[in-house]
Amino acid sequence: DNGGVSSAVLQKYLAKNTPILFVLGNQSSMGPFNTSNS
């Protein structure tokens, strides 16, 4: 998100190769999103 509220929990789950479905919206932060998805 744009406010960085989810940064800590996001890094926890990105450390594993668990499958992820991203649903984007007006609060999504494109910079961290681009580095987090393939």
Full PDB file with SEQRES, HELIX, SHEET, SSBOND, CRYST1, ORIGX, SCALE, CONECT and MASTER records, all heavy atoms in Angstrom:
SEQRES   1 A   38  ASP ASN GLY GLY VAL SER SER ALA VAL LEU GLN LYS TYR          
SEQRES   2 A   38  LEU ALA LYS ASN THR PRO ILE LEU PHE VAL LEU GLY ASN          
SEQRES   3 A   38  GLN SER SER MET GLY PRO PHE ASN THR SER ASN SER              
HELIX    1 AA1 SER A    7  LEU A   14  1                                   8    
HELIX    2 AA2 MET A   30  SER A   36  1                                   7    
CRYST1    1.000    1.000    1.000  90.00  90.00  90.00 P 1           1          
ORIGX1      1.000000  0.000000  0.000000        0.00000                         
ORIGX2      0.000000  1.000000  0.000000        0.00000                         
ORIGX3      0.000000  0.000000  1.000000        0.00000                         
SCALE1      1.000000  0.000000  0.000000        0.00000                         
SCALE2      0.000000  1.000000  0.000000        0.00000                         
SCALE3      0.000000  0.000000  1.000000        0.00000                         
ATOM      1  N   ASP A   1       0.832  -1.204   0.000  1.00  0.00           N  
ATOM      2  CA  ASP A   1       0.000   0.000   0.000  1.00  0.00           C  
ATOM      3  C   ASP A   1       0.861   1.245   0.000  1.00  0.00           C  
ATOM      4  O   ASP A   1       2.065   1.218   0.317  1.00  0.00           O  
ATOM      5  CB  ASP A   1      -0.912  -0.001   1.222  1.00  0.00           C  
ATOM      6  CG  ASP A   1      -0.126   0.029   2.523  1.00  0.00           C  
ATOM      7  OD1 ASP A   1       0.499  -1.021   2.850  1.00  0.00           O  
ATOM      8  OD2 ASP A   1      -0.115   1.068   3.184  1.00  0.00           O  
ATOM      9  N   ASN A   2       0.237   2.372  -0.348  1.00  0.00           N  
ATOM     10  CA  ASN A   2       0.962   3.645  -0.428  1.00  0.00           C  
ATOM     11  C   ASN A   2       1.471   4.112   0.926  1.00  0.00           C  
ATOM     12  O   ASN A   2       2.496   4.787   1.021  1.00  0.00           O  
ATOM     13  CB  ASN A   2       0.045   4.726  -1.021  1.00  0.00           C  
ATOM     14  CG  ASN A   2      -0.207   4.483  -2.506  1.00  0.00           C  
ATOM     15  OD1 ASN A   2       0.693   4.045  -3.221  1.00  0.00           O  
ATOM     16  ND2 ASN A   2      -1.430   4.762  -2.964  1.00  0.00           N  
ATOM     17  N   GLY A   3       0.763   3.773   2.016  1.00  0.00           N  
ATOM     18  CA  GLY A   3       1.176   4.245   3.332  1.00  0.00           C  
ATOM     19  C   GLY A   3       2.225   3.385   3.994  1.00  0.00           C  
ATOM     20  O   GLY A   3       2.707   3.728   5.085  1.00  0.00           O  
ATOM     21  N   GLY A   4       2.585   2.260   3.421  1.00  0.00           N  
ATOM     22  CA  GLY A   4       3.602   1.393   3.995  1.00  0.00           C  
ATOM     23  C   GLY A   4       3.139   0.592   5.193  1.00  0.00           C  
ATOM     24  O   GLY A   4       3.965   0.022   5.920  1.00  0.00           O  
ATOM     25  N   VAL A   5       1.821   0.521   5.426  1.00  0.00           N  
ATOM     26  CA  VAL A   5       1.304  -0.204   6.582  1.00  0.00           C  
ATOM     27  C   VAL A   5       1.634  -1.691   6.490  1.00  0.00           C  
ATOM     28  O   VAL A   5       1.892  -2.357   7.499  1.00  0.00           O  
ATOM     29  CB  VAL A   5      -0.221   0.010   6.702  1.00  0.00           C  
ATOM     30  CG1 VAL A   5      -0.801  -0.822   7.844  1.00  0.00           C  
ATOM     31  CG2 VAL A   5      -0.532   1.489   6.889  1.00  0.00           C  
ATOM     32  N   SER A   6       1.659  -2.210   5.285  1.00  0.00           N  
ATOM     33  CA  SER A   6       1.812  -3.655   5.106  1.00  0.00           C  
ATOM     34  C   SER A   6       3.253  -4.098   4.881  1.00  0.00           C  
ATOM     35  O   SER A   6       3.501  -5.277   4.622  1.00  0.00           O  
ATOM     36  CB  SER A   6       0.980  -4.107   3.899  1.00  0.00           C  
ATOM     37  OG  SER A   6       1.416  -3.434   2.713  1.00  0.00           O  
ATOM     38  N   SER A   7       4.213  -3.197   4.975  1.00  0.00           N  
ATOM     39  CA  SER A   7       5.598  -3.539   4.600  1.00  0.00           C  
ATOM     40  C   SER A   7       6.149  -4.697   5.411  1.00  0.00           C  
ATOM     41  O   SER A   7       6.731  -5.648   4.858  1.00  0.00           O  
ATOM     42  CB  SER A   7       6.497  -2.307   4.764  1.00  0.00           C  
ATOM     43  OG  SER A   7       6.071  -1.277   3.913  1.00  0.00           O  
ATOM     44  N   ALA A   8       5.964  -4.691   6.706  1.00  0.00           N  
ATOM     45  CA  ALA A   8       6.564  -5.724   7.549  1.00  0.00           C  
ATOM     46  C   ALA A   8       5.948  -7.089   7.278  1.00  0.00           C  
ATOM     47  O   ALA A   8       6.661  -8.090   7.088  1.00  0.00           O  
ATOM     48  CB  ALA A   8       6.398  -5.335   9.022  1.00  0.00           C  
ATOM     49  N   VAL A   9       4.618  -7.137   7.256  1.00  0.00           N  
ATOM     50  CA  VAL A   9       3.978  -8.430   7.041  1.00  0.00           C  
ATOM     51  C   VAL A   9       4.211  -8.925   5.618  1.00  0.00           C  
ATOM     52  O   VAL A   9       4.310 -10.124   5.360  1.00  0.00           O  
ATOM     53  CB  VAL A   9       2.464  -8.329   7.372  1.00  0.00           C  
ATOM     54  CG1 VAL A   9       1.739  -7.440   6.364  1.00  0.00           C  
ATOM     55  CG2 VAL A   9       1.840  -9.713   7.399  1.00  0.00           C  
ATOM     56  N   LEU A  10       4.330  -7.992   4.659  1.00  0.00           N  
ATOM     57  CA  LEU A  10       4.577  -8.393   3.271  1.00  0.00           C  
ATOM     58  C   LEU A  10       5.939  -9.062   3.139  1.00  0.00           C  
ATOM     59  O   LEU A  10       6.067 -10.105   2.474  1.00  0.00           O  
ATOM     60  CB  LEU A  10       4.496  -7.166   2.355  1.00  0.00           C  
ATOM     61  CG  LEU A  10       4.747  -7.435   0.870  1.00  0.00           C  
ATOM     62  CD1 LEU A  10       3.676  -8.358   0.307  1.00  0.00           C  
ATOM     63  CD2 LEU A  10       4.754  -6.110   0.093  1.00  0.00           C  
ATOM     64  N   GLN A  11       6.948  -8.510   3.768  1.00  0.00           N  
ATOM     65  CA  GLN A  11       8.281  -9.106   3.690  1.00  0.00           C  
ATOM     66  C   GLN A  11       8.306 -10.498   4.303  1.00  0.00           C  
ATOM     67  O   GLN A  11       9.018 -11.390   3.840  1.00  0.00           O  
ATOM     68  CB  GLN A  11       9.293  -8.195   4.409  1.00  0.00           C  
ATOM     69  CG  GLN A  11       9.506  -6.855   3.722  1.00  0.00           C  
ATOM     70  CD  GLN A  11       9.974  -7.024   2.277  1.00  0.00           C  
ATOM     71  OE1 GLN A  11      10.818  -7.885   1.974  1.00  0.00           O  
ATOM     72  NE2 GLN A  11       9.406  -6.211   1.406  1.00  0.00           N  
ATOM     73  N   LYS A  12       7.496 -10.709   5.339  1.00  0.00           N  
ATOM     74  CA  LYS A  12       7.443 -12.022   5.990  1.00  0.00           C  
ATOM     75  C   LYS A  12       6.962 -13.088   5.011  1.00  0.00           C  
ATOM     76  O   LYS A  12       7.550 -14.173   4.913  1.00  0.00           O  
ATOM     77  CB  LYS A  12       6.529 -11.945   7.210  1.00  0.00           C  
ATOM     78  CG  LYS A  12       6.222 -13.301   7.846  1.00  0.00           C  
ATOM     79  CD  LYS A  12       5.212 -13.170   8.962  1.00  0.00           C  
ATOM     80  CE  LYS A  12       4.812 -14.542   9.499  1.00  0.00           C  
ATOM     81  NZ  LYS A  12       3.773 -14.429  10.563  1.00  0.00           N  
ATOM     82  N   TYR A  13       5.918 -12.772   4.245  1.00  0.00           N  
ATOM     83  CA  TYR A  13       5.356 -13.780   3.346  1.00  0.00           C  
ATOM     84  C   TYR A  13       6.100 -13.860   2.022  1.00  0.00           C  
ATOM     85  O   TYR A  13       6.086 -14.897   1.363  1.00  0.00           O  
ATOM     86  CB  TYR A  13       3.873 -13.492   3.114  1.00  0.00           C  
ATOM     87  CG  TYR A  13       3.049 -13.723   4.358  1.00  0.00           C  
ATOM     88  CD1 TYR A  13       2.404 -12.673   4.996  1.00  0.00           C  
ATOM     89  CD2 TYR A  13       2.934 -14.995   4.912  1.00  0.00           C  
ATOM     90  CE1 TYR A  13       1.662 -12.884   6.145  1.00  0.00           C  
ATOM     91  CE2 TYR A  13       2.197 -15.214   6.067  1.00  0.00           C  
ATOM     92  CZ  TYR A  13       1.566 -14.154   6.673  1.00  0.00           C  
ATOM     93  OH  TYR A  13       0.847 -14.371   7.821  1.00  0.00           O  
ATOM     94  N   LEU A  14       6.759 -12.760   1.621  1.00  0.00           N  
ATOM     95  CA  LEU A  14       7.554 -12.807   0.397  1.00  0.00           C  
ATOM     96  C   LEU A  14       8.828 -13.614   0.581  1.00  0.00           C  
ATOM     97  O   LEU A  14       9.456 -14.023  -0.401  1.00  0.00           O  
ATOM     98  CB  LEU A  14       7.896 -11.386  -0.064  1.00  0.00           C  
ATOM     99  CG  LEU A  14       6.738 -10.553  -0.627  1.00  0.00           C  
ATOM    100  CD1 LEU A  14       7.237  -9.161  -1.008  1.00  0.00           C  
ATOM    101  CD2 LEU A  14       6.117 -11.242  -1.833  1.00  0.00           C  
ATOM    102  N   ALA A  15       9.228 -13.835   1.826  1.00  0.00           N  
ATOM    103  CA  ALA A  15      10.449 -14.616   2.069  1.00  0.00           C  
ATOM    104  C   ALA A  15      10.261 -16.081   1.677  1.00  0.00           C  
ATOM    105  O   ALA A  15      11.237 -16.806   1.509  1.00  0.00           O  
ATOM    106  CB  ALA A  15      10.841 -14.501   3.537  1.00  0.00           C  
ATOM    107  N   LYS A  16       9.013 -16.525   1.548  1.00  0.00           N  
ATOM    108  CA  LYS A  16       8.722 -17.891   1.129  1.00  0.00           C  
ATOM    109  C   LYS A  16       8.157 -17.869  -0.286  1.00  0.00           C  
ATOM    110  O   LYS A  16       7.744 -16.827  -0.794  1.00  0.00           O  
ATOM    111  CB  LYS A  16       7.723 -18.538   2.083  1.00  0.00           C  
ATOM    112  CG  LYS A  16       8.168 -18.544   3.538  1.00  0.00           C  
ATOM    113  CD  LYS A  16       7.088 -19.118   4.435  1.00  0.00           C  
ATOM    114  CE  LYS A  16       7.504 -19.080   5.902  1.00  0.00           C  
ATOM    115  NZ  LYS A  16       6.443 -19.624   6.796  1.00  0.00           N  
ATOM    116  N   ASN A  17       8.145 -19.017  -0.898  1.00  0.00           N  
ATOM    117  CA  ASN A  17       7.616 -19.120  -2.264  1.00  0.00           C  
ATOM    118  C   ASN A  17       6.142 -19.524  -2.275  1.00  0.00           C  
ATOM    119  O   ASN A  17       5.695 -20.273  -3.140  1.00  0.00           O  
ATOM    120  CB  ASN A  17       8.432 -20.128  -3.083  1.00  0.00           C  
ATOM    121  CG  ASN A  17       9.767 -19.559  -3.517  1.00  0.00           C  
ATOM    122  OD1 ASN A  17       9.903 -18.346  -3.694  1.00  0.00           O  
ATOM    123  ND2 ASN A  17      10.750 -20.421  -3.686  1.00  0.00           N  
ATOM    124  N   THR A  18       5.389 -18.997  -1.299  1.00  0.00           N  
ATOM    125  CA  THR A  18       3.962 -19.279  -1.252  1.00  0.00           C  
ATOM    126  C   THR A  18       3.265 -18.578  -2.415  1.00  0.00           C  
ATOM    127  O   THR A  18       3.520 -17.393  -2.673  1.00  0.00           O  
ATOM    128  CB  THR A  18       3.371 -18.782   0.069  1.00  0.00           C  
ATOM    129  OG1 THR A  18       4.109 -19.339   1.155  1.00  0.00           O  
ATOM    130  CG2 THR A  18       1.907 -19.173   0.192  1.00  0.00           C  
ATOM    131  N   PRO A  19       2.385 -19.251  -3.161  1.00  0.00           N  
ATOM    132  CA  PRO A  19       1.660 -18.599  -4.265  1.00  0.00           C  
ATOM    133  C   PRO A  19       0.876 -17.391  -3.769  1.00  0.00           C  
ATOM    134  O   PRO A  19       0.311 -17.395  -2.669  1.00  0.00           O  
ATOM    135  CB  PRO A  19       0.731 -19.701  -4.783  1.00  0.00           C  
ATOM    136  CG  PRO A  19       1.382 -20.981  -4.380  1.00  0.00           C  
ATOM    137  CD  PRO A  19       2.065 -20.696  -3.073  1.00  0.00           C  
ATOM    138  N   ILE A  20       0.830 -16.344  -4.604  1.00  0.00           N  
ATOM    139  CA  ILE A  20       0.189 -15.081  -4.224  1.00  0.00           C  
ATOM    140  C   ILE A  20      -0.721 -14.614  -5.352  1.00  0.00           C  
ATOM    141  O   ILE A  20      -0.361 -14.676  -6.529  1.00  0.00           O  
ATOM    142  CB  ILE A  20       1.233 -13.989  -3.902  1.00  0.00           C  
ATOM    143  CG1 ILE A  20       2.052 -14.372  -2.664  1.00  0.00           C  
ATOM    144  CG2 ILE A  20       0.557 -12.644  -3.678  1.00  0.00           C  
ATOM    145  CD1 ILE A  20       3.112 -13.346  -2.312  1.00  0.00           C  
ATOM    146  N   LEU A  21      -1.903 -14.121  -4.965  1.00  0.00           N  
ATOM    147  CA  LEU A  21      -2.790 -13.400  -5.873  1.00  0.00           C  
ATOM    148  C   LEU A  21      -2.833 -11.952  -5.423  1.00  0.00           C  
ATOM    149  O   LEU A  21      -3.261 -11.651  -4.305  1.00  0.00           O  
ATOM    150  CB  LEU A  21      -4.195 -14.008  -5.857  1.00  0.00           C  
ATOM    151  CG  LEU A  21      -5.305 -13.181  -6.527  1.00  0.00           C  
ATOM    152  CD1 LEU A  21      -5.016 -12.978  -8.015  1.00  0.00           C  
ATOM    153  CD2 LEU A  21      -6.675 -13.823  -6.330  1.00  0.00           C  
ATOM    154  N   PHE A  22      -2.348 -11.024  -6.273  1.00  0.00           N  
ATOM    155  CA  PHE A  22      -2.399  -9.591  -5.990  1.00  0.00           C  
ATOM    156  C   PHE A  22      -3.688  -9.027  -6.580  1.00  0.00           C  
ATOM    157  O   PHE A  22      -4.009  -9.259  -7.755  1.00  0.00           O  
ATOM    158  CB  PHE A  22      -1.210  -8.861  -6.624  1.00  0.00           C  
ATOM    159  CG  PHE A  22       0.116  -9.142  -5.968  1.00  0.00           C  
ATOM    160  CD1 PHE A  22       0.944 -10.150  -6.444  1.00  0.00           C  
ATOM    161  CD2 PHE A  22       0.546  -8.386  -4.890  1.00  0.00           C  
ATOM    162  CE1 PHE A  22       2.173 -10.399  -5.856  1.00  0.00           C  
ATOM    163  CE2 PHE A  22       1.777  -8.633  -4.292  1.00  0.00           C  
ATOM    164  CZ  PHE A  22       2.598  -9.640  -4.770  1.00  0.00           C  
ATOM    165  N   VAL A  23      -4.422  -8.281  -5.766  1.00  0.00           N  
ATOM    166  CA  VAL A  23      -5.592  -7.542  -6.239  1.00  0.00           C  
ATOM    167  C   VAL A  23      -5.289  -6.059  -6.036  1.00  0.00           C  
ATOM    168  O   VAL A  23      -5.170  -5.597  -4.890  1.00  0.00           O  
ATOM    169  CB  VAL A  23      -6.868  -7.953  -5.482  1.00  0.00           C  
ATOM    170  CG1 VAL A  23      -8.072  -7.177  -6.027  1.00  0.00           C  
ATOM    171  CG2 VAL A  23      -7.109  -9.446  -5.606  1.00  0.00           C  
ATOM    172  N   LEU A  24      -5.153  -5.337  -7.147  1.00  0.00           N  
ATOM    173  CA  LEU A  24      -4.741  -3.938  -7.071  1.00  0.00           C  
ATOM    174  C   LEU A  24      -5.935  -3.020  -6.897  1.00  0.00           C  
ATOM    175  O   LEU A  24      -7.069  -3.355  -7.262  1.00  0.00           O  
ATOM    176  CB  LEU A  24      -3.969  -3.555  -8.344  1.00  0.00           C  
ATOM    177  CG  LEU A  24      -2.740  -4.411  -8.675  1.00  0.00           C  
ATOM    178  CD1 LEU A  24      -2.033  -3.876  -9.912  1.00  0.00           C  
ATOM    179  CD2 LEU A  24      -1.775  -4.464  -7.495  1.00  0.00           C  
ATOM    180  N   GLY A  25      -5.668  -1.824  -6.321  1.00  0.00           N  
ATOM    181  CA  GLY A  25      -6.695  -0.800  -6.134  1.00  0.00           C  
ATOM    182  C   GLY A  25      -6.056   0.566  -6.024  1.00  0.00           C  
ATOM    183  O   GLY A  25      -4.839   0.731  -6.235  1.00  0.00           O  
ATOM    184  N   ASN A  26      -6.866   1.547  -5.637  1.00  0.00           N  
ATOM    185  CA  ASN A  26      -6.338   2.922  -5.601  1.00  0.00           C  
ATOM    186  C   ASN A  26      -5.356   3.144  -4.471  1.00  0.00           C  
ATOM    187  O   ASN A  26      -4.661   4.157  -4.430  1.00  0.00           O  
ATOM    188  CB  ASN A  26      -7.492   3.934  -5.523  1.00  0.00           C  
ATOM    189  CG  ASN A  26      -8.344   3.727  -4.289  1.00  0.00           C  
ATOM    190  OD1 ASN A  26      -8.087   2.836  -3.471  1.00  0.00           O  
ATOM    191  ND2 ASN A  26      -9.385   4.539  -4.139  1.00  0.00           N  
ATOM    192  N   GLN A  27      -5.243   2.205  -3.498  1.00  0.00           N  
ATOM    193  CA  GLN A  27      -4.279   2.330  -2.409  1.00  0.00           C  
ATOM    194  C   GLN A  27      -3.011   1.519  -2.657  1.00  0.00           C  
ATOM    195  O   GLN A  27      -2.114   1.508  -1.804  1.00  0.00           O  
ATOM    196  CB  GLN A  27      -4.920   1.862  -1.099  1.00  0.00           C  
ATOM    197  CG  GLN A  27      -6.087   2.723  -0.643  1.00  0.00           C  
ATOM    198  CD  GLN A  27      -5.646   4.146  -0.327  1.00  0.00           C  
ATOM    199  OE1 GLN A  27      -4.570   4.365   0.248  1.00  0.00           O  
ATOM    200  NE2 GLN A  27      -6.449   5.121  -0.735  1.00  0.00           N  
ATOM    201  N   SER A  28      -2.933   0.844  -3.796  1.00  0.00           N  
ATOM    202  CA  SER A  28      -1.760   0.006  -4.084  1.00  0.00           C  
ATOM    203  C   SER A  28      -0.561   0.863  -4.434  1.00  0.00           C  
ATOM    204  O   SER A  28      -0.674   1.873  -5.143  1.00  0.00           O  
ATOM    205  CB  SER A  28      -2.061  -0.948  -5.244  1.00  0.00           C  
ATOM    206  OG  SER A  28      -3.103  -1.845  -4.912  1.00  0.00           O  
ATOM    207  N   SER A  29       0.616   0.434  -3.968  1.00  0.00           N  
ATOM    208  CA  SER A  29       1.879   1.119  -4.259  1.00  0.00           C  
ATOM    209  C   SER A  29       2.584   0.360  -5.376  1.00  0.00           C  
ATOM    210  O   SER A  29       2.964  -0.807  -5.203  1.00  0.00           O  
ATOM    211  CB  SER A  29       2.747   1.170  -3.001  1.00  0.00           C  
ATOM    212  OG  SER A  29       3.994   1.757  -3.294  1.00  0.00           O  
ATOM    213  N   MET A  30       2.773   1.004  -6.533  1.00  0.00           N  
ATOM    214  CA  MET A  30       3.296   0.321  -7.716  1.00  0.00           C  
ATOM    215  C   MET A  30       4.777  -0.032  -7.581  1.00  0.00           C  
ATOM    216  O   MET A  30       5.223  -1.050  -8.115  1.00  0.00           O  
ATOM    217  CB  MET A  30       3.081   1.186  -8.962  1.00  0.00           C  
ATOM    218  CG  MET A  30       1.623   1.335  -9.365  1.00  0.00           C  
ATOM    219  SD  MET A  30       0.816  -0.224  -9.758  1.00  0.00           S  
ATOM    220  CE  MET A  30      -0.188  -0.464  -8.300  1.00  0.00           C  
ATOM    221  N   GLY A  31       5.538   0.777  -6.874  1.00  0.00           N  
ATOM    222  CA  GLY A  31       6.970   0.486  -6.744  1.00  0.00           C  
ATOM    223  C   GLY A  31       7.223  -0.837  -6.042  1.00  0.00           C  
ATOM    224  O   GLY A  31       7.837  -1.751  -6.609  1.00  0.00           O  
ATOM    225  N   PRO A  32       6.783  -1.017  -4.801  1.00  0.00           N  
ATOM    226  CA  PRO A  32       6.956  -2.311  -4.125  1.00  0.00           C  
ATOM    227  C   PRO A  32       6.234  -3.454  -4.850  1.00  0.00           C  
ATOM    228  O   PRO A  32       6.703  -4.592  -4.828  1.00  0.00           O  
ATOM    229  CB  PRO A  32       6.349  -2.060  -2.742  1.00  0.00           C  
ATOM    230  CG  PRO A  32       6.419  -0.592  -2.547  1.00  0.00           C  
ATOM    231  CD  PRO A  32       6.242   0.008  -3.898  1.00  0.00           C  
ATOM    232  N   PHE A  33       5.104  -3.133  -5.484  1.00  0.00           N  
ATOM    233  CA  PHE A  33       4.404  -4.192  -6.225  1.00  0.00           C  
ATOM    234  C   PHE A  33       5.266  -4.724  -7.364  1.00  0.00           C  
ATOM    235  O   PHE A  33       5.356  -5.945  -7.581  1.00  0.00           O  
ATOM    236  CB  PHE A  33       3.072  -3.651  -6.764  1.00  0.00           C  
ATOM    237  CG  PHE A  33       2.441  -4.530  -7.805  1.00  0.00           C  
ATOM    238  CD1 PHE A  33       1.800  -5.710  -7.453  1.00  0.00           C  
ATOM    239  CD2 PHE A  33       2.512  -4.192  -9.153  1.00  0.00           C  
ATOM    240  CE1 PHE A  33       1.228  -6.530  -8.417  1.00  0.00           C  
ATOM    241  CE2 PHE A  33       1.941  -5.005 -10.119  1.00  0.00           C  
ATOM    242  CZ  PHE A  33       1.303  -6.181  -9.756  1.00  0.00           C  
ATOM    243  N   ASN A  34       5.925  -3.836  -8.115  1.00  0.00           N  
ATOM    244  CA  ASN A  34       6.746  -4.268  -9.247  1.00  0.00           C  
ATOM    245  C   ASN A  34       7.905  -5.147  -8.813  1.00  0.00           C  
ATOM    246  O   ASN A  34       8.303  -6.074  -9.534  1.00  0.00           O  
ATOM    247  CB  ASN A  34       7.264  -3.047 -10.013  1.00  0.00           C  
ATOM    248  CG  ASN A  34       6.160  -2.331 -10.781  1.00  0.00           C  
ATOM    249  OD1 ASN A  34       5.146  -2.938 -11.136  1.00  0.00           O  
ATOM    250  ND2 ASN A  34       6.344  -1.039 -11.023  1.00  0.00           N  
ATOM    251  N   THR A  35       8.444  -4.882  -7.628  1.00  0.00           N  
ATOM    252  CA  THR A  35       9.569  -5.694  -7.156  1.00  0.00           C  
ATOM    253  C   THR A  35       9.109  -6.993  -6.496  1.00  0.00           C  
ATOM    254  O   THR A  35       9.938  -7.867  -6.209  1.00  0.00           O  
ATOM    255  CB  THR A  35      10.407  -4.895  -6.154  1.00  0.00           C  
ATOM    256  OG1 THR A  35       9.593  -4.525  -5.037  1.00  0.00           O  
ATOM    257  CG2 THR A  35      10.983  -3.647  -6.809  1.00  0.00           C  
ATOM    258  N   SER A  36       7.797  -7.120  -6.261  1.00  0.00           N  
ATOM    259  CA  SER A  36       7.297  -8.278  -5.521  1.00  0.00           C  
ATOM    260  C   SER A  36       6.649  -9.325  -6.412  1.00  0.00           C  
ATOM    261  O   SER A  36       6.339 -10.418  -5.932  1.00  0.00           O  
ATOM    262  CB  SER A  36       6.261  -7.831  -4.472  1.00  0.00           C  
ATOM    263  OG  SER A  36       6.807  -6.871  -3.601  1.00  0.00           O  
ATOM    264  N   ASN A  37       6.388  -9.027  -7.695  1.00  0.00           N  
ATOM    265  CA  ASN A  37       5.675  -9.979  -8.539  1.00  0.00           C  
ATOM    266  C   ASN A  37       6.449 -10.266  -9.813  1.00  0.00           C  
ATOM    267  O   ASN A  37       7.278  -9.466 -10.263  1.00  0.00           O  
ATOM    268  CB  ASN A  37       4.273  -9.448  -8.872  1.00  0.00           C  
ATOM    269  CG  ASN A  37       4.258  -8.539 -10.084  1.00  0.00           C  
ATOM    270  OD1 ASN A  37       3.977  -8.964 -11.200  1.00  0.00           O  
ATOM    271  ND2 ASN A  37       4.568  -7.255  -9.875  1.00  0.00           N  
ATOM    272  N   SER A  38       6.165 -11.422 -10.411  1.00  0.00           N  
ATOM    273  CA  SER A  38       6.841 -11.865 -11.631  1.00  0.00           C  
ATOM    274  C   SER A  38       5.902 -11.872 -12.828  1.00  0.00           C  
ATOM    275  O   SER A  38       6.197 -12.507 -13.834  1.00  0.00           O  
ATOM    276  CB  SER A  38       7.397 -13.278 -11.419  1.00  0.00           C  
ATOM    277  OG  SER A  38       6.343 -14.176 -11.072  1.00  0.00           O  
TER     278      SER A  38                                                      
MASTER        0    0    0    2    0    0    0    6  277    1    0    3          
END                                                                             
